[in-house]
Protein backbone atom coordinates (compact mmCIF):
# COMPACT_ATOMS: atom_id res chain seq x y z
CA MET A 1 196.22 -18.96 -41.39
CA SER A 2 196.29 -22.65 -40.45
CA THR A 3 195.13 -24.06 -37.14
CA GLN A 4 198.68 -25.28 -36.47
CA PHE A 5 199.80 -21.64 -36.49
CA TYR A 6 197.33 -20.62 -33.77
CA VAL A 7 198.14 -23.67 -31.63
CA SER A 8 201.86 -22.99 -32.01
CA VAL A 9 201.45 -19.33 -31.00
CA LEU A 10 199.42 -20.34 -27.96
CA THR A 11 201.99 -22.99 -27.03
CA VAL A 12 204.86 -20.51 -27.32
CA ALA A 13 203.05 -17.88 -25.24
CA ILE A 14 202.19 -20.31 -22.43
CA THR A 15 205.54 -22.11 -22.43
CA LEU A 16 207.51 -18.86 -22.34
CA LYS A 17 205.61 -17.59 -19.32
CA VAL A 18 205.91 -20.92 -17.53
CA MET A 19 209.64 -21.17 -18.20
CA LEU A 20 210.33 -17.63 -16.97
CA LEU A 21 208.46 -18.41 -13.75
CA ALA A 22 210.20 -21.80 -13.53
CA CYS A 23 213.63 -20.14 -13.79
CA ALA A 24 212.85 -17.99 -10.76
CA TYR A 25 211.76 -20.96 -8.68
CA LEU A 26 214.57 -23.19 -9.91
CA ILE A 27 216.92 -20.72 -8.23
CA LEU A 28 214.95 -21.24 -5.02
CA LEU A 29 215.12 -25.02 -5.56
CA GLU A 30 218.87 -24.80 -6.00
CA ARG A 31 219.26 -22.85 -2.78
CA LYS A 32 217.04 -25.32 -0.96
CA MET A 33 218.87 -28.39 -2.31
CA CYS A 34 222.20 -26.78 -1.48
CA ALA A 35 220.97 -26.23 2.08
CA TRP A 36 219.73 -29.83 2.40
CA ILE A 37 223.03 -31.23 1.17
CA GLN A 38 224.97 -28.97 3.55
CA ASN A 39 222.58 -29.69 6.46
CA ARG A 40 221.17 -26.15 6.54
CA ILE A 41 217.65 -24.76 6.33
CA GLY A 42 217.94 -22.47 3.34
CA PRO A 43 215.68 -19.49 2.54
CA ASN A 44 212.40 -19.90 4.44
CA ARG A 45 211.47 -16.44 5.77
CA THR A 46 210.24 -14.56 2.71
CA GLY A 47 206.67 -15.73 2.35
CA LEU A 48 203.69 -14.81 0.17
CA SER A 49 201.34 -13.54 2.83
CA LEU A 50 201.61 -9.97 1.42
CA GLY A 51 200.35 -8.53 4.71
CA ILE A 52 197.07 -10.43 4.53
CA LEU A 53 197.96 -13.51 6.57
CA PRO A 54 199.80 -13.50 9.91
CA LEU A 55 203.59 -13.28 9.71
CA ARG A 56 204.00 -16.82 10.94
CA PHE A 57 202.81 -18.09 7.55
CA HIS A 58 206.03 -18.08 5.52
CA PHE A 59 205.02 -20.75 2.99
CA TRP A 60 208.48 -22.33 2.90
CA GLY A 61 210.09 -19.17 1.55
CA LEU A 62 208.17 -19.19 -1.74
CA GLY A 63 208.36 -15.41 -1.87
CA GLN A 64 212.15 -15.43 -2.07
CA PRO A 65 212.33 -15.38 -5.91
CA LEU A 66 210.01 -12.37 -5.98
CA ALA A 67 212.18 -10.58 -3.42
CA ASP A 68 215.34 -11.41 -5.37
CA GLY A 69 213.79 -10.12 -8.58
CA VAL A 70 212.76 -6.83 -6.99
CA LYS A 71 216.24 -6.44 -5.46
CA LEU A 72 217.98 -7.01 -8.82
CA LEU A 73 215.57 -4.70 -10.63
CA PHE A 74 216.31 -1.77 -8.31
CA LYS A 75 219.98 -2.50 -7.78
CA GLU A 76 222.49 -0.02 -9.21
CA ASP A 77 223.23 -0.87 -12.83
CA TYR A 78 226.93 -0.11 -12.68
CA THR A 79 228.95 -0.09 -15.92
CA PRO A 80 232.76 0.24 -15.72
CA LEU A 81 234.34 3.13 -17.59
CA ASN A 82 236.69 1.23 -19.90
CA VAL A 83 234.28 -1.34 -21.33
CA ASP A 84 233.11 -1.60 -24.94
CA ARG A 85 229.68 -0.26 -24.04
CA PRO A 86 227.55 -1.49 -27.02
CA LEU A 87 228.92 -5.04 -26.79
CA PHE A 88 228.84 -4.95 -23.00
CA ILE A 89 225.11 -4.20 -23.05
CA ALA A 90 224.34 -6.61 -25.92
CA ALA A 91 226.11 -9.64 -24.40
CA PRO A 92 223.43 -10.57 -21.79
CA ILE A 93 220.72 -10.14 -24.42
CA ILE A 94 222.59 -12.41 -26.85
CA VAL A 95 222.85 -15.03 -24.12
CA MET A 96 219.15 -14.82 -23.31
CA ILE A 97 217.72 -14.96 -26.85
CA PRO A 98 218.95 -18.48 -27.79
CA ALA A 99 217.81 -19.73 -24.39
CA MET A 100 214.31 -18.45 -25.18
CA LEU A 101 214.27 -20.11 -28.62
CA GLY A 102 215.75 -23.56 -28.08
CA TRP A 103 212.63 -25.24 -26.67
CA ALA A 104 210.41 -24.07 -29.54
CA VAL A 105 210.42 -27.48 -31.26
CA VAL A 106 209.93 -29.61 -28.14
CA PRO A 107 206.69 -31.64 -28.59
CA TRP A 108 205.28 -31.00 -25.12
CA GLY A 109 201.84 -32.52 -25.71
CA GLY A 110 202.22 -34.75 -28.74
CA LEU A 111 199.51 -34.61 -31.41
CA TRP A 112 196.12 -33.13 -30.60
CA GLN A 113 192.98 -34.39 -32.34
CA SER A 114 190.17 -31.86 -32.39
CA GLU A 115 186.55 -32.27 -33.40
CA GLY A 116 186.33 -28.70 -34.64
CA TRP A 117 184.61 -25.63 -33.18
CA MET A 118 183.45 -22.10 -33.91
CA TRP A 119 185.77 -19.11 -33.42
CA PRO A 120 184.04 -16.27 -31.51
CA THR A 121 183.68 -13.06 -33.44
CA TRP A 122 185.36 -10.92 -30.78
CA ILE A 123 188.85 -12.55 -31.01
CA PRO A 124 191.27 -9.94 -32.49
CA PHE A 125 192.80 -10.56 -35.95
CA ILE A 126 190.77 -13.76 -36.41
CA GLY A 127 187.10 -12.88 -36.42
CA GLY A 128 184.28 -15.42 -36.55
CA GLY A 129 184.25 -18.69 -38.43
CA SER A 130 184.41 -22.44 -38.09
CA VAL A 131 187.35 -24.75 -37.71
CA GLU A 132 187.22 -28.21 -39.20
CA PRO A 133 188.51 -31.31 -37.33
CA PHE A 134 192.29 -31.44 -37.42
CA ASN A 135 195.43 -33.03 -35.99
CA VAL A 136 198.09 -30.58 -34.84
CA SER A 137 201.34 -30.86 -32.95
CA VAL A 138 201.34 -29.19 -29.53
CA THR A 139 204.67 -27.48 -30.02
CA GLY A 140 206.03 -24.10 -30.96
CA ALA A 141 207.31 -25.16 -34.40
CA ALA A 142 206.61 -28.58 -35.93
CA ILE A 143 209.58 -28.60 -38.29
CA ASN A 144 211.36 -31.54 -39.91
CA ILE A 145 214.79 -30.69 -38.46
CA GLY A 146 213.59 -30.26 -34.89
CA ILE A 147 216.41 -31.94 -32.96
CA LEU A 148 219.04 -30.37 -35.21
CA TYR A 149 217.46 -27.00 -34.50
CA ILE A 150 217.85 -27.49 -30.72
CA LEU A 151 221.49 -28.49 -31.21
CA ALA A 152 222.20 -25.44 -33.37
CA ILE A 153 220.39 -22.89 -31.21
CA GLY A 154 222.00 -24.18 -28.00
CA SER A 155 225.49 -23.41 -29.28
CA LEU A 156 224.70 -19.75 -30.01
CA ALA A 157 224.66 -18.64 -26.38
CA VAL A 158 228.45 -18.88 -26.19
CA TYR A 159 228.67 -15.82 -28.47
CA GLY A 160 227.10 -13.71 -25.74
CA ILE A 161 229.53 -15.14 -23.19
CA VAL A 162 232.50 -14.36 -25.44
CA LEU A 163 231.28 -10.82 -26.08
CA GLY A 164 230.66 -10.26 -22.38
CA GLY A 165 234.19 -11.36 -21.49
CA TYR A 166 235.79 -9.40 -24.31
CA ALA A 167 233.78 -6.20 -23.82
CA SER A 168 234.44 -6.14 -20.05
CA ASN A 169 238.09 -5.19 -20.61
CA ASN A 170 239.00 -7.45 -17.71
CA LYS A 171 241.56 -10.23 -17.95
CA TYR A 172 239.59 -12.56 -15.67
CA SER A 173 236.43 -12.05 -17.73
CA PHE A 174 238.38 -12.64 -20.93
CA PHE A 175 239.90 -15.86 -19.60
CA GLY A 176 236.43 -17.04 -18.64
CA SER A 177 235.05 -16.39 -22.12
CA LEU A 178 237.99 -18.21 -23.71
CA ARG A 179 237.33 -21.19 -21.47
CA ALA A 180 233.65 -21.16 -22.41
CA THR A 181 234.56 -21.13 -26.11
CA ALA A 182 236.98 -24.05 -25.83
CA GLN A 183 234.47 -25.96 -23.72
CA MET A 184 231.63 -25.40 -26.19
CA ILE A 185 233.73 -26.49 -29.19
CA SER A 186 234.89 -29.62 -27.37
CA TYR A 187 231.56 -30.82 -26.03
CA GLU A 188 229.50 -29.93 -29.09
CA ILE A 189 231.24 -32.75 -30.95
CA PRO A 190 230.16 -35.72 -28.78
CA GLN A 191 226.74 -34.14 -28.28
CA GLY A 192 226.28 -33.80 -32.03
CA LEU A 193 227.46 -37.39 -32.56
CA CYS A 194 224.85 -38.61 -30.04
CA VAL A 195 222.16 -36.77 -32.00
CA LEU A 196 223.51 -38.19 -35.27
CA ILE A 197 223.27 -41.72 -33.85
CA MET A 198 219.62 -41.14 -32.92
CA ILE A 199 218.84 -39.85 -36.42
CA LEU A 200 220.65 -42.84 -37.93
CA MET A 201 218.68 -45.30 -35.79
CA TRP A 202 215.20 -43.86 -36.28
CA SER A 203 215.64 -42.26 -39.74
CA THR A 204 214.04 -39.00 -38.65
CA SER A 205 215.14 -35.66 -37.27
CA ARG A 206 211.62 -34.53 -36.36
CA ALA A 207 211.15 -34.26 -32.61
CA ASP A 208 207.54 -35.47 -32.34
CA PHE A 209 208.17 -38.46 -34.63
CA LEU A 210 211.16 -39.47 -32.50
CA VAL A 211 208.97 -39.51 -29.39
CA ILE A 212 206.24 -41.53 -31.12
CA LEU A 213 208.77 -44.10 -32.37
CA GLN A 214 210.18 -44.55 -28.87
CA ALA A 215 206.68 -44.82 -27.41
CA ASN A 216 205.87 -47.63 -29.86
CA SER A 217 209.18 -49.41 -29.30
CA THR A 218 211.79 -48.88 -26.54
CA TRP A 219 213.30 -45.75 -25.05
CA ASN A 220 216.74 -44.82 -26.32
CA LEU A 221 217.95 -44.99 -22.72
CA PHE A 222 217.79 -48.79 -23.02
CA TYR A 223 219.28 -48.79 -26.52
CA HIS A 224 222.22 -46.57 -25.58
CA PRO A 225 222.73 -46.16 -21.79
CA LEU A 226 226.36 -45.11 -22.32
CA LEU A 227 225.35 -42.44 -24.83
CA ALA A 228 222.74 -41.18 -22.36
CA ILE A 229 225.47 -40.62 -19.78
CA ILE A 230 227.69 -38.93 -22.36
CA PHE A 231 224.86 -36.71 -23.61
CA PHE A 232 223.92 -35.65 -20.09
CA THR A 233 227.58 -34.83 -19.42
CA CYS A 234 227.65 -32.69 -22.57
CA VAL A 235 224.47 -30.89 -21.46
CA LEU A 236 226.14 -30.02 -18.16
CA ALA A 237 229.16 -28.68 -20.03
CA GLU A 238 226.99 -26.70 -22.48
CA CYS A 239 225.13 -25.08 -19.58
CA ASN A 240 228.40 -24.27 -17.74
CA ARG A 241 227.18 -26.28 -14.79
CA ALA A 242 229.44 -27.86 -12.18
CA PRO A 243 231.65 -29.79 -12.41
CA PHE A 244 232.15 -28.01 -15.76
CA ASP A 245 231.72 -24.39 -14.61
CA LEU A 246 235.33 -23.44 -15.46
CA ALA A 247 234.16 -20.29 -17.28
CA GLU A 248 233.12 -18.74 -13.95
CA ALA A 249 235.41 -20.50 -11.47
CA GLU A 250 235.34 -18.20 -8.45
CA GLN A 251 238.61 -19.51 -6.98
CA GLU A 252 240.50 -18.65 -10.18
CA LEU A 253 238.60 -15.99 -12.15
CA VAL A 254 236.66 -13.98 -9.54
CA GLY A 255 233.36 -14.41 -11.40
CA GLY A 256 234.55 -15.28 -14.88
CA TYR A 257 232.85 -13.71 -17.88
CA HIS A 258 230.24 -11.88 -15.76
CA THR A 259 232.67 -10.35 -13.24
CA GLU A 260 231.92 -6.75 -14.31
CA TYR A 261 228.15 -7.15 -14.58
CA ALA A 262 225.55 -6.05 -12.05
CA SER A 263 221.81 -5.66 -11.61
CA MET A 264 219.54 -7.03 -14.36
CA LYS A 265 222.37 -7.54 -16.87
CA TRP A 266 223.94 -9.94 -14.39
CA ALA A 267 220.54 -11.56 -13.82
CA LEU A 268 220.06 -12.14 -17.55
CA PHE A 269 223.18 -14.32 -17.64
CA PHE A 270 221.72 -16.53 -14.94
CA PHE A 271 218.25 -16.57 -16.45
CA GLY A 272 219.89 -17.75 -19.66
CA GLU A 273 221.76 -20.48 -17.77
CA TYR A 274 218.62 -21.82 -16.10
CA MET A 275 216.62 -21.68 -19.31
CA HIS A 276 219.41 -23.64 -20.99
CA MET A 277 219.14 -26.17 -18.16
CA ILE A 278 215.41 -26.57 -18.85
CA THR A 279 215.95 -26.84 -22.61
CA GLY A 280 218.84 -29.29 -22.18
CA SER A 281 216.79 -31.44 -19.81
CA ALA A 282 213.83 -31.42 -22.21
CA PHE A 283 216.21 -32.33 -25.04
CA PHE A 284 217.56 -35.27 -23.01
CA ALA A 285 214.03 -36.43 -22.17
CA LEU A 286 213.12 -36.14 -25.84
CA LEU A 287 216.09 -38.18 -27.04
CA PHE A 288 216.45 -40.83 -24.33
CA LEU A 289 213.36 -40.90 -22.09
CA GLY A 290 210.61 -41.09 -24.67
CA GLY A 291 209.43 -37.50 -24.27
CA TRP A 292 205.82 -37.59 -23.09
CA ASP A 293 205.67 -41.40 -23.07
CA LEU A 294 204.67 -42.88 -19.71
CA PRO A 295 206.00 -46.35 -18.81
CA LEU A 296 203.40 -49.14 -18.68
CA VAL A 297 200.78 -46.83 -20.21
CA HIS A 298 199.94 -46.99 -23.90
CA GLU A 299 199.15 -43.42 -24.88
CA PRO A 300 197.66 -42.89 -28.33
CA ALA A 301 199.87 -40.92 -30.70
CA VAL A 302 196.88 -38.67 -31.44
CA GLY A 303 194.46 -37.81 -28.64
CA GLY A 304 192.09 -35.26 -27.21
CA LEU A 305 192.72 -32.54 -24.66
CA ALA A 306 192.88 -34.99 -21.76
CA TRP A 307 195.69 -36.97 -23.37
CA VAL A 308 197.48 -33.75 -24.32
CA ALA A 309 197.32 -32.54 -20.71
CA LEU A 310 198.63 -35.89 -19.42
CA LYS A 311 201.52 -35.83 -21.91
CA ILE A 312 202.47 -32.28 -20.93
CA ILE A 313 202.50 -33.25 -17.24
CA VAL A 314 204.66 -36.35 -17.89
CA PHE A 315 207.11 -34.37 -20.02
CA ALA A 316 207.30 -31.60 -17.40
CA ILE A 317 207.97 -34.11 -14.58
CA LYS A 318 210.81 -35.74 -16.54
CA THR A 319 212.32 -32.32 -17.28
CA PHE A 320 212.02 -31.24 -13.63
CA LEU A 321 213.72 -34.41 -12.36
CA LEU A 322 216.62 -33.93 -14.78
CA VAL A 323 217.06 -30.29 -13.71
CA ALA A 324 217.02 -31.44 -10.07
CA ALA A 325 219.73 -33.98 -10.96
CA MET A 326 221.85 -31.15 -12.42
CA ILE A 327 221.48 -29.17 -9.20
CA TRP A 328 222.32 -32.24 -7.10
CA ILE A 329 225.47 -32.87 -9.17
CA ARG A 330 226.58 -29.27 -8.71
CA TRP A 331 226.57 -29.52 -4.92
CA THR A 332 228.04 -33.02 -4.85
CA LEU A 333 230.97 -33.24 -7.29
CA PRO A 334 234.11 -31.08 -7.19
CA ARG A 335 235.08 -28.89 -10.12
CA LEU A 336 237.46 -30.34 -12.72
CA ARG A 337 240.72 -28.68 -13.72
CA PHE A 338 240.64 -27.18 -17.18
CA ASP A 339 243.13 -29.70 -18.61
CA GLN A 340 240.99 -32.51 -17.18
CA LEU A 341 237.95 -30.93 -18.81
CA MET A 342 239.61 -30.92 -22.23
CA ARG A 343 241.07 -34.40 -21.80
CA LEU A 344 237.67 -35.84 -20.89
CA ALA A 345 236.18 -34.53 -24.15
CA TRP A 346 238.99 -35.20 -26.63
CA ARG A 347 240.43 -38.41 -25.19
CA GLY A 348 237.26 -39.86 -23.73
CA LEU A 349 233.87 -38.77 -25.01
CA ILE A 350 234.70 -38.11 -28.67
CA PRO A 351 236.44 -41.48 -29.35
CA VAL A 352 233.66 -43.36 -27.54
CA THR A 353 230.87 -41.65 -29.50
CA LEU A 354 232.74 -42.23 -32.77
CA ALA A 355 233.00 -45.93 -31.91
CA MET A 356 229.29 -46.07 -31.12
CA LEU A 357 228.52 -44.30 -34.40
CA LEU A 358 230.41 -47.01 -36.33
CA ILE A 359 228.69 -49.80 -34.38
CA THR A 360 225.24 -48.27 -34.87
CA SER A 361 225.93 -47.82 -38.58
CA ALA A 362 226.80 -51.53 -38.85
CA PHE A 363 223.67 -52.55 -36.92
CA VAL A 364 221.45 -50.39 -39.13
CA TYR A 365 223.12 -51.74 -42.29
CA PHE A 366 222.54 -55.36 -41.25
CA GLY A 367 219.01 -54.65 -40.03
CA ILE A 368 219.60 -55.33 -36.32
CA GLU A 369 216.79 -53.65 -34.37
CA ASN A 370 216.69 -55.47 -31.01
CA TRP A 371 217.58 -53.05 -28.23
CA ILE A 372 219.49 -55.77 -26.33
CA TYR A 373 222.23 -55.85 -28.97
CA TYR A 374 222.67 -52.09 -28.79
CA CYS A 375 222.76 -52.19 -24.99
CA VAL A 376 225.39 -54.97 -25.01
CA ALA A 377 227.51 -52.93 -27.45
CA ASN A 378 227.31 -49.97 -25.04
CA VAL A 379 228.43 -52.14 -22.13
CA ILE A 380 231.36 -53.55 -24.13
CA ILE A 381 232.53 -50.06 -25.13
CA PHE A 382 232.15 -48.89 -21.52
CA PHE A 383 234.56 -51.55 -20.23
CA THR A 384 237.02 -51.60 -23.15
CA ALA A 385 237.46 -47.82 -23.57
CA PRO A 386 239.41 -47.35 -20.28
CA LEU A 387 241.70 -50.24 -21.24
CA ILE A 388 242.39 -48.80 -24.68
CA SER A 389 243.05 -45.35 -23.21
CA GLN A 390 245.96 -46.76 -21.23
CA VAL A 391 247.96 -47.40 -24.43
CA ILE A 392 247.19 -44.06 -26.09
CA PRO A 393 250.14 -41.62 -25.85
CA THR A 394 249.47 -38.89 -23.33
CA GLY A 395 251.94 -36.30 -24.59
CA ALA A 396 253.88 -33.92 -22.40
CA PRO A 397 253.04 -34.08 -18.69
CA VAL A 398 251.05 -31.19 -17.25
CA ASN A 399 250.60 -29.89 -13.71
CA ARG A 400 253.86 -31.33 -12.47
CA ARG A 401 254.40 -31.16 -8.72
CA VAL A 402 256.74 -28.36 -7.76
CA PRO A 403 259.44 -29.48 -5.29
CA LEU A 404 259.06 -27.72 -1.96
CA ALA A 405 261.42 -27.73 0.98
CA GLY A 406 259.94 -29.75 3.81
CA SER A 407 257.17 -31.28 1.70
CA ARG A 408 256.29 -34.91 2.35
CA PHE A 409 254.90 -35.51 -1.13
CA SER A 410 257.26 -33.50 -3.35
CA PRO A 411 260.39 -32.68 -1.33
CA ALA A 412 263.04 -30.40 -2.79
CA GLU A 413 266.40 -31.95 -3.53
CA THR A 414 269.09 -31.00 -1.05
């Protein structure tokens, strides 16, 4: 087997463990950020002293994820009587699997240049032998359709949500799954168009090549700031994060598609959501923030272990900051109505991304490569799109005010 295979297996094993641990502590981060925004303290009592250190050492509540995990593991795994049991059990698993596969093509550490070494004889399934100098990609799968793979895998999680809502035999769960389906179909279109524009600009769909091209030129954030905002909005919608969490709106649908779930099956839905947040943030950093590229530092495309470690740290920091931004948005912005959600996609994001696709196609055809021209085109579209939307027919009015006796804003006729 090739050296790339062993590096990929090692990368997958390490990344999977790190992401599972990160999901647990992202929940703690969300609770902490929620508390800060609401001027509270948040969880800070469950420490990691484990009976060794005095009780006054709580370590900022870092033991809370462990306590939550133990609680969910031993909680009663209740299953309602009238559910479709096979689908009901399979739904959380189907949600979790795509979340555990989407990041496989993310080039966390770029290209690693090795001088070669000797394999020890005691390593299972490999045995002894020498390895010649090589250049490998520090990623799970260095495939030519990397960014298309992330886009395709990310859309599969909605099948688990639909099955969970359908199999629950609950009208609120079913409504939540229908909302998730409509939301996914709507926001996959502008997200896919953003990816298509990046492929058109750089003439590659390989994730590591896209990072290297941005590192040698300019980040796509400066080429297409408007598309960066649109793509981040689509990531929020794909992850069912506020203000796009209509599939689990507590005020309307109790708990949405996971209303009937408990214990670890319920936890799997949320693990899948947080893993999608990490994958979506890494995807955004890959497309618009240059991946592992560090501003004002010229990293070599191929480097040793020190450069690989630095690139992994930079990529992880960018991903963490984007996930923190998602959490901040959740506790800052109010939830949209469902008709507003659909209108934003079909009357706003899709026409804008189609316009940017046409403009980018013209720029590529005429050989325009300066990022300033692309940025100016984004600014022009940003200011002209709201003006054009004013003349587009809106159709039948929705959510009309119901006349009420004694109302100041919508009084009933007497």
